[in-house]
């Protein structure tokens, strides 16, 4: 269960400014129902070119609704120049913080605001050029680069939290890691060399990653994980403690455990749960 602040809960249960503005001066649409989150933001300006009204319609989780609601409160009274300086981090801070896995909701709000402002100025949608890296969510290398630079991201998991890239099939993890390495000035990770690991070396590296990176995080919430077997590139594990009964256990396995092992061991690894 996500740890939401009282302000996030309030904006989710009592969202402000829901709806559509007829003859809006600017409209920004981001996301899609296929990706699980979609937001349309409407802006109306007064005679002094300040935002006098902002409304939204969204389809998404509690964080998406709360971020959209908060954004409409933040922009009213601002000029467009002032509004376009709002960052996704400021949206999250306005709400008292968001779970790191939900930061993409604040990014979605920022992107919708930029598109609405571009719409008013007659320049159409703000276009992020580049090549598609994440086919599942249609995320480009430019979007990933921007998220890394603006939010000081360092891992594939963090990129997924902010822009969803890598949160689907996982085939793009290596490309995302390459982008991270270039921006941070790291040498390219020797993935090709790791593909020649013997099975013993692979198991040892998986065990080290579980002990050093994964188990400490799970134990913070009363959970744990046990390595059962490694069959080819299939990593079989058993969840322990609170993780064993958690309804979100499969999300934890795929979005956290598998992501970490692919990032730090081999990009082709898949994680399977073995029931007790």
Protein backbone atom coordinates (compact mmCIF):
# COMPACT_ATOMS: atom_id res chain seq x y z
CA UNK A 1 0.00 0.00 0.00
CA UNK A 2 1.36 3.43 -0.95
CA UNK A 3 2.12 5.84 1.88
CA UNK A 4 0.11 8.93 0.89
CA UNK A 5 0.25 12.27 2.71
CA UNK A 6 -2.93 13.75 4.13
CA UNK A 7 -2.86 16.39 1.40
CA UNK A 8 -2.68 13.77 -1.34
CA UNK A 9 -5.63 11.96 0.23
CA UNK A 10 -7.59 15.22 0.47
CA UNK A 11 -7.02 16.13 -3.19
CA UNK A 12 -7.89 12.59 -4.24
CA UNK A 13 -11.09 12.34 -2.19
CA UNK A 14 -12.07 15.99 -2.73
CA UNK A 15 -10.51 16.99 -6.05
CA UNK A 16 -10.67 20.68 -6.94
CA UNK A 17 -11.64 22.12 -10.31
CA UNK A 18 -12.80 18.92 -11.98
CA UNK A 19 -14.46 19.41 -15.35
CA UNK A 20 -14.08 21.13 -18.67
CA UNK A 21 -13.84 24.84 -19.54
CA UNK A 22 -15.97 25.78 -22.52
CA UNK A 23 -13.99 27.84 -25.04
CA UNK A 24 -10.79 27.37 -23.06
CA UNK A 25 -7.83 29.50 -24.09
CA UNK A 26 -5.45 26.56 -23.76
CA UNK A 27 -5.91 22.79 -23.64
CA UNK A 28 -3.22 20.23 -22.91
CA UNK A 29 -3.69 16.48 -23.29
CA UNK A 30 -1.14 13.89 -22.16
CA UNK A 31 -1.05 10.15 -21.61
CA UNK A 32 -3.50 7.63 -22.92
CA UNK A 33 -6.00 5.13 -21.57
CA UNK A 34 -3.83 2.36 -23.03
CA UNK A 35 -0.98 3.44 -20.73
CA UNK A 36 -3.23 3.62 -17.67
CA UNK A 37 -3.07 7.42 -17.10
CA UNK A 38 -4.58 10.25 -19.14
CA UNK A 39 -5.00 13.94 -18.31
CA UNK A 40 -6.63 16.90 -20.05
CA UNK A 41 -5.94 20.35 -18.59
CA UNK A 42 -7.99 23.45 -19.48
CA UNK A 43 -6.86 27.06 -18.94
CA UNK A 44 -8.78 30.35 -19.15
CA UNK A 45 -7.00 33.72 -19.01
CA UNK A 46 -8.25 37.12 -17.86
CA UNK A 47 -7.73 40.49 -19.55
CA UNK A 48 -4.34 40.85 -17.85
CA UNK A 49 -3.11 37.55 -19.32
CA UNK A 50 -3.21 35.78 -15.99
CA UNK A 51 -4.75 32.37 -15.51
CA UNK A 52 -8.14 32.99 -13.94
CA UNK A 53 -9.49 29.44 -14.19
CA UNK A 54 -8.03 25.94 -14.53
CA UNK A 55 -9.91 22.68 -14.72
CA UNK A 56 -8.99 19.08 -15.44
CA UNK A 57 -10.33 15.70 -16.43
CA UNK A 58 -8.20 12.68 -15.66
CA UNK A 59 -8.19 8.92 -15.73
CA UNK A 60 -5.69 7.40 -13.36
CA UNK A 61 -4.71 6.52 -9.82
CA UNK A 62 -5.02 8.54 -6.61
CA UNK A 63 -1.69 10.28 -7.28
CA UNK A 64 -2.75 11.26 -10.81
CA UNK A 65 -6.00 12.80 -9.55
CA UNK A 66 -4.30 14.54 -6.63
CA UNK A 67 -1.48 15.92 -8.82
CA UNK A 68 -3.95 17.26 -11.37
CA UNK A 69 -6.12 18.84 -8.66
CA UNK A 70 -3.10 20.44 -6.98
CA UNK A 71 -1.81 21.81 -10.28
CA UNK A 72 -5.07 23.66 -10.96
CA UNK A 73 -4.74 25.40 -7.59
CA UNK A 74 -1.09 26.25 -8.17
CA UNK A 75 -1.53 27.97 -11.54
CA UNK A 76 -4.54 30.22 -10.86
CA UNK A 77 -3.40 33.84 -10.65
CA UNK A 78 -0.12 33.24 -12.46
CA UNK A 79 1.03 34.58 -15.80
CA UNK A 80 1.88 31.99 -18.43
CA UNK A 81 5.56 32.81 -17.97
CA UNK A 82 5.26 32.11 -14.25
CA UNK A 83 3.19 28.96 -14.77
CA UNK A 84 5.59 27.39 -17.24
CA UNK A 85 8.34 27.49 -14.60
CA UNK A 86 6.43 25.02 -12.40
CA UNK A 87 8.30 21.73 -12.16
CA UNK A 88 7.00 18.27 -11.40
CA UNK A 89 8.99 18.36 -8.14
CA UNK A 90 7.07 21.48 -7.08
CA UNK A 91 3.76 19.72 -7.75
CA UNK A 92 4.87 16.82 -5.55
CA UNK A 93 6.11 19.22 -2.85
CA UNK A 94 2.75 21.07 -2.90
CA UNK A 95 1.14 17.75 -1.96
CA UNK A 96 3.64 17.08 0.80
CA UNK A 97 5.42 14.51 -1.34
CA UNK A 98 4.48 11.55 -3.51
CA UNK A 99 5.62 7.92 -3.33
CA UNK A 100 8.65 7.59 -5.59
CA UNK A 101 6.79 5.02 -7.67
CA UNK A 102 4.14 7.67 -8.41
CA UNK A 103 6.33 10.60 -9.43
CA UNK A 104 5.30 10.06 -13.07
CA UNK A 105 1.92 11.53 -12.09
CA UNK A 106 3.52 14.89 -11.27
CA UNK A 107 5.48 14.71 -14.54
CA UNK A 108 2.21 14.14 -16.39
CA UNK A 109 0.76 17.30 -14.80
CA UNK A 110 3.80 19.36 -15.77
CA UNK A 111 3.62 18.05 -19.36
CA UNK A 112 -0.11 18.85 -19.62
CA UNK A 113 0.56 22.40 -18.43
CA UNK A 114 3.27 22.88 -21.04
CA UNK A 115 0.95 21.64 -23.78
CA UNK A 116 -1.90 23.90 -22.65
CA UNK A 117 0.42 26.93 -22.73
CA UNK A 118 1.72 25.94 -26.17
CA UNK A 119 -1.88 25.56 -27.34
CA UNK A 120 -2.71 29.12 -26.20
CA UNK A 121 0.34 30.51 -27.96
CA UNK A 122 -0.74 28.83 -31.18
CA UNK A 123 2.26 26.56 -31.40
CA UNK A 124 0.27 23.35 -30.98
CA UNK A 125 1.48 20.50 -28.82
CA UNK A 126 4.89 20.88 -27.28
CA UNK A 127 6.82 18.30 -29.26
CA UNK A 128 9.49 16.16 -27.66
CA UNK A 129 11.52 14.82 -30.53
CA UNK A 130 13.69 11.76 -30.41
CA UNK A 131 13.42 8.06 -30.92
CA UNK A 132 11.07 5.74 -29.08
CA UNK A 133 12.94 3.77 -26.43
CA UNK A 134 10.04 2.28 -24.47
CA UNK A 135 7.56 0.75 -26.93
CA UNK A 136 5.09 -0.17 -24.18
CA UNK A 137 4.48 3.45 -23.15
CA UNK A 138 5.77 5.36 -26.20
CA UNK A 139 8.54 7.15 -24.29
CA UNK A 140 11.38 8.72 -26.30
CA UNK A 141 15.05 9.06 -25.48
CA UNK A 142 14.57 12.85 -25.16
CA UNK A 143 11.87 12.40 -22.52
CA UNK A 144 14.10 10.02 -20.59
CA UNK A 145 17.06 12.40 -20.84
CA UNK A 146 14.97 15.29 -19.56
CA UNK A 147 13.66 13.28 -16.59
CA UNK A 148 17.19 12.18 -15.66
CA UNK A 149 18.64 15.68 -15.88
CA UNK A 150 15.81 17.52 -14.10
CA UNK A 151 15.34 15.00 -11.30
CA UNK A 152 18.91 13.71 -10.90
CA UNK A 153 17.94 10.11 -11.60
CA UNK A 154 20.60 7.42 -11.40
CA UNK A 155 18.89 4.06 -11.98
CA UNK A 156 16.50 2.41 -14.42
CA UNK A 157 14.02 1.97 -11.57
CA UNK A 158 14.00 5.72 -10.90
CA UNK A 159 13.40 6.45 -14.59
CA UNK A 160 10.41 4.08 -14.50
CA UNK A 161 9.04 5.90 -11.44
CA UNK A 162 9.20 9.27 -13.21
CA UNK A 163 8.19 8.55 -16.82
CA UNK A 164 7.06 4.88 -16.80
CA UNK A 165 9.72 3.88 -19.34
CA UNK A 166 10.84 0.34 -18.59
CA UNK A 167 7.73 -0.50 -16.59
CA UNK A 168 6.28 -2.87 -19.16
CA UNK A 169 8.07 -5.74 -20.86
CA UNK A 170 11.51 -4.56 -19.72
CA UNK A 171 13.18 -4.93 -23.11
CA UNK A 172 14.28 -1.29 -23.05
CA UNK A 173 16.17 -1.48 -19.74
CA UNK A 174 19.57 -1.73 -21.42
CA UNK A 175 18.86 1.33 -23.61
CA UNK A 176 17.68 3.30 -20.58
CA UNK A 177 20.83 2.31 -18.70
CA UNK A 178 22.95 3.50 -21.64
CA UNK A 179 21.22 6.90 -21.55
CA UNK A 180 21.81 7.16 -17.79
CA UNK A 181 25.48 6.27 -18.21
CA UNK A 182 26.02 8.88 -20.94
CA UNK A 183 24.36 11.67 -18.92
CA UNK A 184 26.21 10.76 -15.72
CA UNK A 185 29.49 10.37 -17.57
CA UNK A 186 29.86 6.72 -16.71
CA UNK A 187 31.57 4.20 -18.87
CA UNK A 188 29.13 1.95 -20.71
CA UNK A 189 28.18 -0.97 -18.52
CA UNK A 190 29.88 -4.14 -19.82
CA UNK A 191 26.60 -6.00 -20.46
CA UNK A 192 28.14 -7.95 -23.32
CA UNK A 193 30.82 -9.31 -21.00
CA UNK A 194 28.23 -10.30 -18.43
CA UNK A 195 26.43 -12.43 -21.02
CA UNK A 196 29.39 -14.84 -20.85
CA UNK A 197 29.01 -15.50 -17.13
CA UNK A 198 29.09 -19.12 -16.06
CA UNK A 199 26.01 -20.32 -14.19
CA UNK A 200 27.96 -20.30 -10.91
CA UNK A 201 29.08 -16.71 -11.51
CA UNK A 202 25.54 -15.70 -12.42
CA UNK A 203 24.07 -17.25 -9.26
CA UNK A 204 26.74 -15.63 -7.09
CA UNK A 205 26.06 -12.21 -8.63
CA UNK A 206 22.31 -12.66 -8.17
CA UNK A 207 22.81 -13.62 -4.52
CA UNK A 208 25.06 -10.60 -3.94
CA UNK A 209 22.52 -8.26 -5.55
CA UNK A 210 19.68 -9.71 -3.47
CA UNK A 211 21.68 -9.35 -0.24
CA UNK A 212 23.10 -5.88 -0.97
CA UNK A 213 20.33 -4.08 -2.90
CA UNK A 214 16.98 -5.85 -2.62
CA UNK A 215 16.60 -7.52 0.77
CA UNK A 216 17.38 -4.37 2.81
CA UNK A 217 14.59 -2.48 1.03
CA UNK A 218 12.04 -5.28 1.48
CA UNK A 219 12.93 -5.67 5.14
CA UNK A 220 12.05 -2.01 5.77
CA UNK A 221 8.40 -3.04 5.26
CA UNK A 222 8.69 -6.35 7.09
CA UNK A 223 9.28 -8.44 3.96
CA UNK A 224 12.06 -10.64 2.65
CA UNK A 225 13.00 -12.74 -0.36
CA UNK A 226 14.74 -16.11 -0.77
CA UNK A 227 16.56 -17.36 -3.86
CA UNK A 228 15.29 -20.86 -4.71
CA UNK A 229 16.93 -21.65 -8.05
CA UNK A 230 18.31 -20.19 -11.29
CA UNK A 231 17.28 -22.00 -14.45
CA UNK A 232 18.92 -20.39 -17.47
CA UNK A 233 17.82 -16.76 -17.18
CA UNK A 234 14.81 -17.60 -14.98
CA UNK A 235 15.34 -16.58 -11.37
CA UNK A 236 13.03 -18.48 -9.02
CA UNK A 237 12.39 -16.85 -5.66
CA UNK A 238 10.09 -17.18 -2.67
CA UNK A 239 8.69 -14.13 -0.90
CA UNK A 240 8.79 -14.05 2.89
CA UNK A 241 7.25 -11.97 5.67
CA UNK A 242 4.79 -9.25 4.71
CA UNK A 243 5.71 -9.63 1.03
CA UNK A 244 4.27 -13.16 0.96
CA UNK A 245 0.74 -11.95 1.72
CA UNK A 246 0.88 -8.57 0.01
CA UNK A 247 -1.61 -8.04 -2.83
CA UNK A 248 1.03 -6.02 -4.67
CA UNK A 249 3.66 -8.79 -4.51
CA UNK A 250 3.69 -9.35 -8.28
CA UNK A 251 4.26 -5.65 -8.85
CA UNK A 252 7.15 -5.77 -6.39
CA UNK A 253 8.64 -8.79 -8.17
CA UNK A 254 8.43 -7.29 -11.66
CA UNK A 255 8.87 -3.55 -11.06
CA UNK A 256 11.51 -3.80 -8.34
CA UNK A 257 13.21 -7.19 -7.97
CA UNK A 258 13.34 -8.03 -11.67
CA UNK A 259 14.30 -4.49 -12.62
CA UNK A 260 17.21 -4.48 -10.15
CA UNK A 261 18.50 -7.88 -11.25
CA UNK A 262 18.30 -6.90 -14.93
CA UNK A 263 20.12 -3.66 -14.20
CA UNK A 264 22.90 -5.11 -12.05
CA UNK A 265 23.27 -8.69 -13.31
CA UNK A 266 21.86 -9.46 -16.79
CA UNK A 267 19.23 -7.62 -18.89
CA UNK A 268 17.58 -10.90 -19.95
CA UNK A 269 16.72 -12.18 -16.47
CA UNK A 270 13.10 -12.88 -15.50
CA UNK A 271 11.87 -13.41 -11.95
CA UNK A 272 9.34 -16.09 -11.04
CA UNK A 273 7.69 -16.63 -7.66
CA UNK A 274 7.74 -20.15 -6.21
CA UNK A 275 4.84 -20.70 -3.85
CA UNK A 276 5.49 -22.33 -0.47
